């Protein structure tokens, strides 16, 4: 695959300072000017002032000029305007209104971490030693940005934009409800969910393992217990462990670990799943506010006034 991941996102919020303080506690490194970094991905979140919360811009990494030329031709074929050069192109999502930039960028190099050793029945790799996990403290520093999930008023049209114009591949879907698409070996870099208004549902940030999720969650719970939304659990589609928190603007932010990796595109078969598989394999009951955030009417009003 010539596309190889999300480079960064720009999120508009009406309360930049408050939201920035949240993401510092979430574990991102404050670089100043509303910019926040992960340990492996560098500056991957930019906060800007907007009257309502929204995804303003996302940057996707591409391999070479052939990728840019392909996207330009595909966009023009369906009547979408583009801007840019031979080495980068920008096109606006016709449903959600967010701007997507595709740039020729080097592949992200992830720092390898030796997995913790787990004692289990009949297997004792850590005899006589305490787990190092008990000494970890938060905030947990995310390794990189993994994906964004957006609500869309036209799921099928959004899938066509990401697959036929930008060049994403479909990984799994629940028809009429949700779809997961990838531009890297990750099971998904974009999630799309049918919704009454187009909006940013969540950003998702990779951490090492379940202990890293737990340590980060414990730190955030001490910072603001009300920010916890849903977790700990494991999704069915993508298989990843998760815990979601809400930032002060209303966006959800997810710690995730152990996401399915699709190394061979030809060997992976995208499937349509029953709605019962759309949310989780195990975990707490999903809160109503996670499925339908309470500020959707405000987002719709803000988008109409823009």
C-alpha atoms as a PDB file:
ATOM      1  CA  UNK A   1       0.000   0.000   0.000  1.00  0.00           C
ATOM      2  CA  UNK A   2       1.460   3.367  -1.003  1.00  0.00           C
ATOM      3  CA  UNK A   3      -0.398   5.371   1.638  1.00  0.00           C
ATOM      4  CA  UNK A   4       1.129   4.631   5.015  1.00  0.00           C
ATOM      5  CA  UNK A   5      -0.759   6.213   7.868  1.00  0.00           C
ATOM      6  CA  UNK A   6      -2.072   9.343   9.527  1.00  0.00           C
ATOM      7  CA  UNK A   7       0.542  12.017  10.092  1.00  0.00           C
ATOM      8  CA  UNK A   8      -1.517  14.490  12.131  1.00  0.00           C
ATOM      9  CA  UNK A   9      -4.913  16.035  12.814  1.00  0.00           C
ATOM     10  CA  UNK A  10      -6.045  19.598  13.438  1.00  0.00           C
ATOM     11  CA  UNK A  11      -9.097  19.892  15.682  1.00  0.00           C
ATOM     12  CA  UNK A  12     -11.103  23.064  16.104  1.00  0.00           C
ATOM     13  CA  UNK A  13     -12.485  23.761  19.592  1.00  0.00           C
ATOM     14  CA  UNK A  14     -13.987  26.822  21.313  1.00  0.00           C
ATOM     15  CA  UNK A  15     -11.800  26.409  24.428  1.00  0.00           C
ATOM     16  CA  UNK A  16      -8.227  25.722  23.283  1.00  0.00           C
ATOM     17  CA  UNK A  17      -6.532  26.222  26.666  1.00  0.00           C
ATOM     18  CA  UNK A  18      -8.871  23.880  28.529  1.00  0.00           C
ATOM     19  CA  UNK A  19      -8.659  21.219  25.850  1.00  0.00           C
ATOM     20  CA  UNK A  20      -4.880  21.559  25.701  1.00  0.00           C
ATOM     21  CA  UNK A  21      -4.619  20.969  29.455  1.00  0.00           C
ATOM     22  CA  UNK A  22      -6.652  17.780  29.021  1.00  0.00           C
ATOM     23  CA  UNK A  23      -4.375  16.401  26.298  1.00  0.00           C
ATOM     24  CA  UNK A  24      -1.326  17.142  28.427  1.00  0.00           C
ATOM     25  CA  UNK A  25      -2.861  14.975  31.165  1.00  0.00           C
ATOM     26  CA  UNK A  26      -3.782  12.430  28.498  1.00  0.00           C
ATOM     27  CA  UNK A  27      -0.045  12.071  27.912  1.00  0.00           C
ATOM     28  CA  UNK A  28       0.699  14.141  24.831  1.00  0.00           C
ATOM     29  CA  UNK A  29       3.678  16.500  25.016  1.00  0.00           C
ATOM     30  CA  UNK A  30       2.760  20.201  24.843  1.00  0.00           C
ATOM     31  CA  UNK A  31       4.943  21.807  22.180  1.00  0.00           C
ATOM     32  CA  UNK A  32       3.391  25.260  22.516  1.00  0.00           C
ATOM     33  CA  UNK A  33       1.054  27.102  20.180  1.00  0.00           C
ATOM     34  CA  UNK A  34      -1.635  24.444  20.474  1.00  0.00           C
ATOM     35  CA  UNK A  35       0.646  21.689  19.136  1.00  0.00           C
ATOM     36  CA  UNK A  36       1.010  18.317  20.905  1.00  0.00           C
ATOM     37  CA  UNK A  37       3.400  15.436  20.226  1.00  0.00           C
ATOM     38  CA  UNK A  38       3.555  11.662  20.671  1.00  0.00           C
ATOM     39  CA  UNK A  39       6.763   9.796  21.457  1.00  0.00           C
ATOM     40  CA  UNK A  40       7.151   8.142  18.030  1.00  0.00           C
ATOM     41  CA  UNK A  41       5.032  10.316  15.736  1.00  0.00           C
ATOM     42  CA  UNK A  42       6.153  13.802  16.725  1.00  0.00           C
ATOM     43  CA  UNK A  43       3.669  16.668  16.428  1.00  0.00           C
ATOM     44  CA  UNK A  44       0.399  14.902  15.681  1.00  0.00           C
ATOM     45  CA  UNK A  45      -2.302  17.113  17.230  1.00  0.00           C
ATOM     46  CA  UNK A  46      -2.949  20.783  16.569  1.00  0.00           C
ATOM     47  CA  UNK A  47      -5.717  22.630  18.395  1.00  0.00           C
ATOM     48  CA  UNK A  48      -7.175  25.768  16.803  1.00  0.00           C
ATOM     49  CA  UNK A  49      -9.920  28.137  17.838  1.00  0.00           C
ATOM     50  CA  UNK A  50     -13.309  27.411  16.283  1.00  0.00           C
ATOM     51  CA  UNK A  51     -16.874  28.251  17.361  1.00  0.00           C
ATOM     52  CA  UNK A  52     -17.783  24.544  17.614  1.00  0.00           C
ATOM     53  CA  UNK A  53     -15.790  21.344  17.804  1.00  0.00           C
ATOM     54  CA  UNK A  54     -14.820  19.799  14.490  1.00  0.00           C
ATOM     55  CA  UNK A  55     -12.082  18.045  12.564  1.00  0.00           C
ATOM     56  CA  UNK A  56     -10.499  20.843  10.540  1.00  0.00           C
ATOM     57  CA  UNK A  57      -7.658  19.052   8.786  1.00  0.00           C
ATOM     58  CA  UNK A  58      -5.932  15.670   8.611  1.00  0.00           C
ATOM     59  CA  UNK A  59      -2.625  14.808   6.988  1.00  0.00           C
ATOM     60  CA  UNK A  60      -2.015  11.399   5.398  1.00  0.00           C
ATOM     61  CA  UNK A  61       1.436  10.086   4.568  1.00  0.00           C
ATOM     62  CA  UNK A  62       2.075   8.923   0.975  1.00  0.00           C
ATOM     63  CA  UNK A  63       4.964   7.213  -0.787  1.00  0.00           C
ATOM     64  CA  UNK A  64       5.595   9.146  -4.005  1.00  0.00           C
ATOM     65  CA  UNK A  65       4.274  11.515  -6.670  1.00  0.00           C
ATOM     66  CA  UNK A  66       2.282   8.708  -8.293  1.00  0.00           C
ATOM     67  CA  UNK A  67       0.033   8.703  -5.212  1.00  0.00           C
ATOM     68  CA  UNK A  68      -0.569  12.435  -5.531  1.00  0.00           C
ATOM     69  CA  UNK A  69      -1.326  12.179  -9.250  1.00  0.00           C
ATOM     70  CA  UNK A  70      -3.738   9.284  -8.664  1.00  0.00           C
ATOM     71  CA  UNK A  71      -5.677  11.197  -6.010  1.00  0.00           C
ATOM     72  CA  UNK A  72      -5.843  14.334  -8.163  1.00  0.00           C
ATOM     73  CA  UNK A  73      -7.249  12.364 -11.098  1.00  0.00           C
ATOM     74  CA  UNK A  74      -9.750  10.527  -8.903  1.00  0.00           C
ATOM     75  CA  UNK A  75     -10.967  13.766  -7.289  1.00  0.00           C
ATOM     76  CA  UNK A  76     -11.363  15.537 -10.621  1.00  0.00           C
ATOM     77  CA  UNK A  77     -13.283  12.554 -11.998  1.00  0.00           C
ATOM     78  CA  UNK A  78     -16.014  13.050  -9.377  1.00  0.00           C
ATOM     79  CA  UNK A  79     -15.957  16.855  -9.542  1.00  0.00           C
ATOM     80  CA  UNK A  80     -13.996  17.641  -6.368  1.00  0.00           C
ATOM     81  CA  UNK A  81     -11.630  20.608  -6.301  1.00  0.00           C
ATOM     82  CA  UNK A  82      -8.031  20.042  -5.260  1.00  0.00           C
ATOM     83  CA  UNK A  83      -5.051  22.220  -4.433  1.00  0.00           C
ATOM     84  CA  UNK A  84      -1.373  21.566  -3.923  1.00  0.00           C
ATOM     85  CA  UNK A  85       1.722  20.524  -5.834  1.00  0.00           C
ATOM     86  CA  UNK A  86       3.242  17.362  -7.289  1.00  0.00           C
ATOM     87  CA  UNK A  87       4.295  16.381  -3.750  1.00  0.00           C
ATOM     88  CA  UNK A  88       1.123  17.164  -1.814  1.00  0.00           C
ATOM     89  CA  UNK A  89      -2.562  17.522  -2.486  1.00  0.00           C
ATOM     90  CA  UNK A  90      -5.533  18.750  -0.486  1.00  0.00           C
ATOM     91  CA  UNK A  91      -9.186  17.838  -0.985  1.00  0.00           C
ATOM     92  CA  UNK A  92     -12.223  18.478   1.199  1.00  0.00           C
ATOM     93  CA  UNK A  93     -14.386  15.583   2.363  1.00  0.00           C
ATOM     94  CA  UNK A  94     -17.700  16.427   0.640  1.00  0.00           C
ATOM     95  CA  UNK A  95     -19.776  14.973   3.492  1.00  0.00           C
ATOM     96  CA  UNK A  96     -17.944  15.883   6.701  1.00  0.00           C
ATOM     97  CA  UNK A  97     -16.328  19.078   5.419  1.00  0.00           C
ATOM     98  CA  UNK A  98     -12.868  18.301   6.817  1.00  0.00           C
ATOM     99  CA  UNK A  99      -9.805  19.032   4.672  1.00  0.00           C
ATOM    100  CA  UNK A 100      -7.530  16.092   3.921  1.00  0.00           C
ATOM    101  CA  UNK A 101      -3.938  16.641   2.871  1.00  0.00           C
ATOM    102  CA  UNK A 102      -1.892  13.845   1.357  1.00  0.00           C
ATOM    103  CA  UNK A 103       1.852  14.487   1.481  1.00  0.00           C
ATOM    104  CA  UNK A 104       4.952  12.583   0.465  1.00  0.00           C
ATOM    105  CA  UNK A 105       6.501  11.809   3.847  1.00  0.00           C
ATOM    106  CA  UNK A 106       8.865   9.156   5.234  1.00  0.00           C
ATOM    107  CA  UNK A 107       7.409   6.132   6.957  1.00  0.00           C
ATOM    108  CA  UNK A 108       7.002   6.454  10.703  1.00  0.00           C
ATOM    109  CA  UNK A 109       9.565   4.435  12.638  1.00  0.00           C
ATOM    110  CA  UNK A 110       8.071   2.913  15.775  1.00  0.00           C
ATOM    111  CA  UNK A 111      10.381   2.305  18.722  1.00  0.00           C
ATOM    112  CA  UNK A 112      10.188  -1.363  19.621  1.00  0.00           C
ATOM    113  CA  UNK A 113       9.332  -2.179  23.218  1.00  0.00           C
ATOM    114  CA  UNK A 114       9.959  -5.564  24.766  1.00  0.00           C
ATOM    115  CA  UNK A 115       6.586  -6.911  25.952  1.00  0.00           C
ATOM    116  CA  UNK A 116       6.039  -7.457  29.649  1.00  0.00           C
ATOM    117  CA  UNK A 117       6.348 -11.050  30.766  1.00  0.00           C
ATOM    118  CA  UNK A 118       3.113 -12.481  32.088  1.00  0.00           C
ATOM    119  CA  UNK A 119       2.928 -15.428  34.443  1.00  0.00           C
ATOM    120  CA  UNK A 120       0.125 -17.760  33.384  1.00  0.00           C
ATOM    121  CA  UNK A 121      -1.077 -21.270  34.241  1.00  0.00           C
ATOM    122  CA  UNK A 122       1.762 -23.669  33.547  1.00  0.00           C
ATOM    123  CA  UNK A 123       4.054 -20.846  32.346  1.00  0.00           C
ATOM    124  CA  UNK A 124       6.198 -18.817  34.757  1.00  0.00           C
ATOM    125  CA  UNK A 125       8.629 -16.554  32.876  1.00  0.00           C
ATOM    126  CA  UNK A 126       8.949 -14.206  35.883  1.00  0.00           C
ATOM    127  CA  UNK A 127       9.729 -16.466  38.853  1.00  0.00           C
ATOM    128  CA  UNK A 128      10.313 -14.600  42.102  1.00  0.00           C
ATOM    129  CA  UNK A 129       9.974 -11.136  40.513  1.00  0.00           C
ATOM    130  CA  UNK A 130       7.268  -8.536  40.835  1.00  0.00           C
ATOM    131  CA  UNK A 131       5.783  -7.294  37.576  1.00  0.00           C
ATOM    132  CA  UNK A 132       7.398  -4.018  36.494  1.00  0.00           C
ATOM    133  CA  UNK A 133       3.878  -2.879  35.581  1.00  0.00           C
ATOM    134  CA  UNK A 134       3.125  -2.113  39.226  1.00  0.00           C
ATOM    135  CA  UNK A 135       5.804   0.580  39.237  1.00  0.00           C
ATOM    136  CA  UNK A 136       4.485   2.462  36.193  1.00  0.00           C
ATOM    137  CA  UNK A 137       2.906   5.863  36.799  1.00  0.00           C
ATOM    138  CA  UNK A 138       0.921   8.219  34.588  1.00  0.00           C
ATOM    139  CA  UNK A 139       0.409  10.112  32.433  1.00  0.00           C
ATOM    140  CA  UNK A 140       0.899   7.401  29.819  1.00  0.00           C
ATOM    141  CA  UNK A 141       2.662   8.868  26.792  1.00  0.00           C
ATOM    142  CA  UNK A 142       0.965   7.666  23.579  1.00  0.00           C
ATOM    143  CA  UNK A 143       3.292   6.266  20.938  1.00  0.00           C
ATOM    144  CA  UNK A 144       1.423   7.656  17.919  1.00  0.00           C
ATOM    145  CA  UNK A 145      -1.883   8.726  16.459  1.00  0.00           C
ATOM    146  CA  UNK A 146      -3.710   5.669  15.153  1.00  0.00           C
ATOM    147  CA  UNK A 147      -7.080   6.684  13.762  1.00  0.00           C
ATOM    148  CA  UNK A 148     -10.030   9.038  13.814  1.00  0.00           C
ATOM    149  CA  UNK A 149     -13.701   8.090  13.765  1.00  0.00           C
ATOM    150  CA  UNK A 150     -16.239  10.436  12.238  1.00  0.00           C
ATOM    151  CA  UNK A 151     -19.994  10.519  12.157  1.00  0.00           C
ATOM    152  CA  UNK A 152     -21.351  10.939   8.633  1.00  0.00           C
ATOM    153  CA  UNK A 153     -24.809  11.697   7.298  1.00  0.00           C
ATOM    154  CA  UNK A 154     -24.177   9.451   4.279  1.00  0.00           C
ATOM    155  CA  UNK A 155     -22.122   6.383   5.149  1.00  0.00           C
ATOM    156  CA  UNK A 156     -21.997   4.924   1.642  1.00  0.00           C
ATOM    157  CA  UNK A 157     -20.928   8.235   0.058  1.00  0.00           C
ATOM    158  CA  UNK A 158     -18.217   8.681   2.695  1.00  0.00           C
ATOM    159  CA  UNK A 159     -16.879   5.175   2.063  1.00  0.00           C
ATOM    160  CA  UNK A 160     -16.675   5.987  -1.657  1.00  0.00           C
ATOM    161  CA  UNK A 161     -14.741   9.204  -0.968  1.00  0.00           C
ATOM    162  CA  UNK A 162     -12.121   7.493   1.182  1.00  0.00           C
ATOM    163  CA  UNK A 163     -11.726   4.406  -0.988  1.00  0.00           C
ATOM    164  CA  UNK A 164     -12.209   5.750  -4.533  1.00  0.00           C
ATOM    165  CA  UNK A 165     -10.646   9.207  -4.128  1.00  0.00           C
ATOM    166  CA  UNK A 166      -8.075   8.990  -1.333  1.00  0.00           C
ATOM    167  CA  UNK A 167      -7.242   5.306  -1.824  1.00  0.00           C
ATOM    168  CA  UNK A 168      -8.100   3.782   1.559  1.00  0.00           C
ATOM    169  CA  UNK A 169      -9.003   0.096   1.768  1.00  0.00           C
ATOM    170  CA  UNK A 170     -12.089  -1.292   3.499  1.00  0.00           C
ATOM    171  CA  UNK A 171     -11.200  -3.574   6.424  1.00  0.00           C
ATOM    172  CA  UNK A 172     -14.594  -4.442   7.960  1.00  0.00           C
ATOM    173  CA  UNK A 173     -18.113  -3.014   8.123  1.00  0.00           C
ATOM    174  CA  UNK A 174     -21.556  -3.304   9.608  1.00  0.00           C
ATOM    175  CA  UNK A 175     -23.718  -2.232   6.646  1.00  0.00           C
ATOM    176  CA  UNK A 176     -25.696   0.919   7.275  1.00  0.00           C
ATOM    177  CA  UNK A 177     -23.996   1.476  10.633  1.00  0.00           C
ATOM    178  CA  UNK A 178     -20.207   1.622  10.641  1.00  0.00           C
ATOM    179  CA  UNK A 179     -17.163   1.017   8.431  1.00  0.00           C
ATOM    180  CA  UNK A 180     -13.448   0.775   9.146  1.00  0.00           C
ATOM    181  CA  UNK A 181     -10.882   1.734   6.510  1.00  0.00           C
ATOM    182  CA  UNK A 182      -7.104   1.706   6.447  1.00  0.00           C
ATOM    183  CA  UNK A 183      -4.225   3.553   4.807  1.00  0.00           C
ATOM    184  CA  UNK A 184      -1.515   1.550   6.596  1.00  0.00           C
ATOM    185  CA  UNK A 185      -1.086  -1.901   8.096  1.00  0.00           C
ATOM    186  CA  UNK A 186      -3.387  -0.871  10.975  1.00  0.00           C
ATOM    187  CA  UNK A 187      -6.846  -2.458  10.785  1.00  0.00           C
ATOM    188  CA  UNK A 188      -8.235   1.062  10.531  1.00  0.00           C
ATOM    189  CA  UNK A 189      -7.026   4.637  10.284  1.00  0.00           C
ATOM    190  CA  UNK A 190     -10.489   6.032   9.564  1.00  0.00           C
ATOM    191  CA  UNK A 191     -13.763   4.915  11.107  1.00  0.00           C
ATOM    192  CA  UNK A 192     -17.102   6.077   9.709  1.00  0.00           C
ATOM    193  CA  UNK A 193     -20.397   5.867  11.551  1.00  0.00           C
ATOM    194  CA  UNK A 194     -23.863   6.724  10.246  1.00  0.00           C
ATOM    195  CA  UNK A 195     -25.109   9.762  12.183  1.00  0.00           C
ATOM    196  CA  UNK A 196     -27.714  12.544  12.008  1.00  0.00           C
ATOM    197  CA  UNK A 197     -24.937  15.139  11.621  1.00  0.00           C
ATOM    198  CA  UNK A 198     -21.345  14.891  10.409  1.00  0.00           C
ATOM    199  CA  UNK A 199     -18.923  15.322  13.323  1.00  0.00           C
ATOM    200  CA  UNK A 200     -15.637  14.185  14.843  1.00  0.00           C
ATOM    201  CA  UNK A 201     -16.395  11.330  17.233  1.00  0.00           C
ATOM    202  CA  UNK A 202     -12.923  10.462  18.506  1.00  0.00           C
ATOM    203  CA  UNK A 203      -9.207  10.391  17.971  1.00  0.00           C
ATOM    204  CA  UNK A 204      -7.327   7.244  18.971  1.00  0.00           C
ATOM    205  CA  UNK A 205      -3.800   7.021  20.370  1.00  0.00           C
ATOM    206  CA  UNK A 206      -1.623   3.923  20.559  1.00  0.00           C
ATOM    207  CA  UNK A 207      -0.042   2.867  23.840  1.00  0.00           C
ATOM    208  CA  UNK A 208       2.033  -0.206  24.634  1.00  0.00           C
ATOM    209  CA  UNK A 209      -0.368  -2.574  26.349  1.00  0.00           C
ATOM    210  CA  UNK A 210      -3.236  -3.011  28.775  1.00  0.00           C
ATOM    211  CA  UNK A 211      -1.132  -1.776  31.695  1.00  0.00           C
ATOM    212  CA  UNK A 212      -0.305   1.421  29.831  1.00  0.00           C
ATOM    213  CA  UNK A 213      -4.026   1.939  29.230  1.00  0.00           C
ATOM    214  CA  UNK A 214      -4.749   1.328  32.922  1.00  0.00           C
ATOM    215  CA  UNK A 215      -2.016   3.657  34.152  1.00  0.00           C
ATOM    216  CA  UNK A 216      -3.085   6.427  31.788  1.00  0.00           C
ATOM    217  CA  UNK A 217      -6.722   5.952  32.770  1.00  0.00           C
ATOM    218  CA  UNK A 218      -5.880   6.065  36.482  1.00  0.00           C
ATOM    219  CA  UNK A 219      -4.044   9.343  35.972  1.00  0.00           C
ATOM    220  CA  UNK A 220      -6.962  10.868  34.053  1.00  0.00           C
ATOM    221  CA  UNK A 221      -9.473   9.635  36.623  1.00  0.00           C
ATOM    222  CA  UNK A 222      -7.498  11.462  39.311  1.00  0.00           C
ATOM    223  CA  UNK A 223      -7.390  14.584  37.105  1.00  0.00           C
ATOM    224  CA  UNK A 224     -11.107  14.541  36.220  1.00  0.00           C
ATOM    225  CA  UNK A 225     -13.174  11.467  37.063  1.00  0.00           C
ATOM    226  CA  UNK A 226     -16.058  12.767  34.924  1.00  0.00           C
ATOM    227  CA  UNK A 227     -13.913  12.606  31.767  1.00  0.00           C
ATOM    228  CA  UNK A 228     -14.058   8.793  31.679  1.00  0.00           C
ATOM    229  CA  UNK A 229     -16.638   7.623  29.144  1.00  0.00           C
ATOM    230  CA  UNK A 230     -16.218   3.949  28.322  1.00  0.00           C
ATOM    231  CA  UNK A 231     -13.675   1.274  29.160  1.00  0.00           C
ATOM    232  CA  UNK A 232     -11.807  -0.885  29.810  1.00  0.00           C
ATOM    233  CA  UNK A 233     -12.891  -3.215  26.999  1.00  0.00           C
ATOM    234  CA  UNK A 234     -11.947  -4.920  23.750  1.00  0.00           C
ATOM    235  CA  UNK A 235     -13.498  -4.072  20.411  1.00  0.00           C
ATOM    236  CA  UNK A 236     -14.624  -6.823  18.062  1.00  0.00           C
ATOM    237  CA  UNK A 237     -13.772  -5.034  14.806  1.00  0.00           C
ATOM    238  CA  UNK A 238     -10.032  -4.379  14.983  1.00  0.00           C
ATOM    239  CA  UNK A 239      -9.709  -6.485  18.169  1.00  0.00           C
ATOM    240  CA  UNK A 240      -8.056  -3.647  20.093  1.00  0.00           C
ATOM    241  CA  UNK A 241      -8.241  -2.922  23.790  1.00  0.00           C
ATOM    242  CA  UNK A 242      -9.777   0.490  24.526  1.00  0.00           C
ATOM    243  CA  UNK A 243     -10.636   3.131  27.075  1.00  0.00           C
ATOM    244  CA  UNK A 244     -12.345   6.376  26.020  1.00  0.00           C
ATOM    245  CA  UNK A 245     -12.251   9.783  27.696  1.00  0.00           C
ATOM    246  CA  UNK A 246     -14.025  13.048  26.820  1.00  0.00           C
ATOM    247  CA  UNK A 247     -12.059  16.270  26.373  1.00  0.00           C
ATOM    248  CA  UNK A 248     -13.578  19.589  27.596  1.00  0.00           C
ATOM    249  CA  UNK A 249     -14.893  20.398  24.097  1.00  0.00           C
ATOM    250  CA  UNK A 250     -16.781  17.089  23.852  1.00  0.00           C
ATOM    251  CA  UNK A 251     -14.434  15.085  21.625  1.00  0.00           C
ATOM    252  CA  UNK A 252     -13.633  11.544  22.722  1.00  0.00           C
ATOM    253  CA  UNK A 253      -9.997  10.449  22.993  1.00  0.00           C
ATOM    254  CA  UNK A 254      -9.136   6.745  23.047  1.00  0.00           C
ATOM    255  CA  UNK A 255      -6.171   4.868  24.437  1.00  0.00           C
ATOM    256  CA  UNK A 256      -5.761   1.691  22.392  1.00  0.00           C
ATOM    257  CA  UNK A 257      -3.412  -1.289  22.252  1.00  0.00           C
ATOM    258  CA  UNK A 258      -3.206  -4.613  20.397  1.00  0.00           C
ATOM    259  CA  UNK A 259      -4.912  -3.553  17.167  1.00  0.00           C
ATOM    260  CA  UNK A 260      -5.148  -6.076  14.310  1.00  0.00           C
ATOM    261  CA  UNK A 261      -2.387  -5.634  11.724  1.00  0.00           C
ATOM    262  CA  UNK A 262      -3.022  -6.280   8.024  1.00  0.00           C
ATOM    263  CA  UNK A 263       0.361  -6.974   6.480  1.00  0.00           C
ATOM    264  CA  UNK A 264      -0.863  -8.751   3.350  1.00  0.00           C
ATOM    265  CA  UNK A 265      -3.736  -6.860   1.708  1.00  0.00           C
ATOM    266  CA  UNK A 266      -4.483  -9.758  -0.618  1.00  0.00           C
ATOM    267  CA  UNK A 267      -4.872 -12.210   2.255  1.00  0.00           C
ATOM    268  CA  UNK A 268      -7.276 -10.039   4.269  1.00  0.00           C
ATOM    269  CA  UNK A 269     -10.981 -10.469   3.524  1.00  0.00           C
ATOM    270  CA  UNK A 270     -13.157  -7.501   4.473  1.00  0.00           C
ATOM    271  CA  UNK A 271     -16.408  -8.778   5.960  1.00  0.00           C
ATOM    272  CA  UNK A 272     -19.872  -7.430   6.662  1.00  0.00           C
ATOM    273  CA  UNK A 273     -20.716  -8.153  10.293  1.00  0.00           C
ATOM    274  CA  UNK A 274     -23.872  -8.393  12.341  1.00  0.00           C
ATOM    275  CA  UNK A 275     -24.710  -5.207  14.327  1.00  0.00           C
ATOM    276  CA  UNK A 276     -24.008  -7.136  17.541  1.00  0.00           C
ATOM    277  CA  UNK A 277     -20.320  -7.056  16.560  1.00  0.00           C
ATOM    278  CA  UNK A 278     -20.202  -3.308  15.885  1.00  0.00           C
ATOM    279  CA  UNK A 279     -19.066  -2.154  19.315  1.00  0.00           C
ATOM    280  CA  UNK A 280     -17.224  -4.602  21.544  1.00  0.00           C
ATOM    281  CA  UNK A 281     -16.363  -8.195  22.340  1.00  0.00           C
ATOM    282  CA  UNK A 282     -16.286  -7.498  26.080  1.00  0.00           C
ATOM    283  CA  UNK A 283     -16.423  -4.507  28.383  1.00  0.00           C
ATOM    284  CA  UNK A 284     -18.911  -2.290  30.200  1.00  0.00           C
ATOM    285  CA  UNK A 285     -22.257  -1.490  28.615  1.00  0.00           C
ATOM    286  CA  UNK A 286     -21.772   1.305  26.101  1.00  0.00           C
ATOM    287  CA  UNK A 287     -23.172   4.622  27.397  1.00  0.00           C
ATOM    288  CA  UNK A 288     -25.861   6.365  25.354  1.00  0.00           C
ATOM    289  CA  UNK A 289     -23.740   9.526  25.199  1.00  0.00           C
ATOM    290  CA  UNK A 290     -20.994   7.601  23.414  1.00  0.00           C
ATOM    291  CA  UNK A 291     -23.367   6.626  20.613  1.00  0.00           C
ATOM    292  CA  UNK A 292     -25.128  10.003  20.432  1.00  0.00           C
ATOM    293  CA  UNK A 293     -23.072  12.806  22.020  1.00  0.00           C
ATOM    294  CA  UNK A 294     -25.343  15.413  23.619  1.00  0.00           C
ATOM    295  CA  UNK A 295     -23.902  18.335  21.633  1.00  0.00           C
ATOM    296  CA  UNK A 296     -24.863  17.125  18.139  1.00  0.00           C
ATOM    297  CA  UNK A 297     -27.557  19.809  17.818  1.00  0.00           C
ATOM    298  CA  UNK A 298     -24.982  22.488  18.663  1.00  0.00           C
ATOM    299  CA  UNK A 299     -22.598  21.066  16.041  1.00  0.00           C
ATOM    300  CA  UNK A 300     -25.364  21.061  13.440  1.00  0.00           C
ATOM    301  CA  UNK A 301     -26.230  24.675  14.273  1.00  0.00           C
ATOM    302  CA  UNK A 302     -22.578  25.706  14.114  1.00  0.00           C
ATOM    303  CA  UNK A 303     -22.062  24.010  10.760  1.00  0.00           C
ATOM    304  CA  UNK A 304     -25.205  25.668   9.361  1.00  0.00           C
ATOM    305  CA  UNK A 305     -24.004  29.106  10.477  1.00  0.00           C
ATOM    306  CA  UNK A 306     -20.481  28.679   9.110  1.00  0.00           C
END
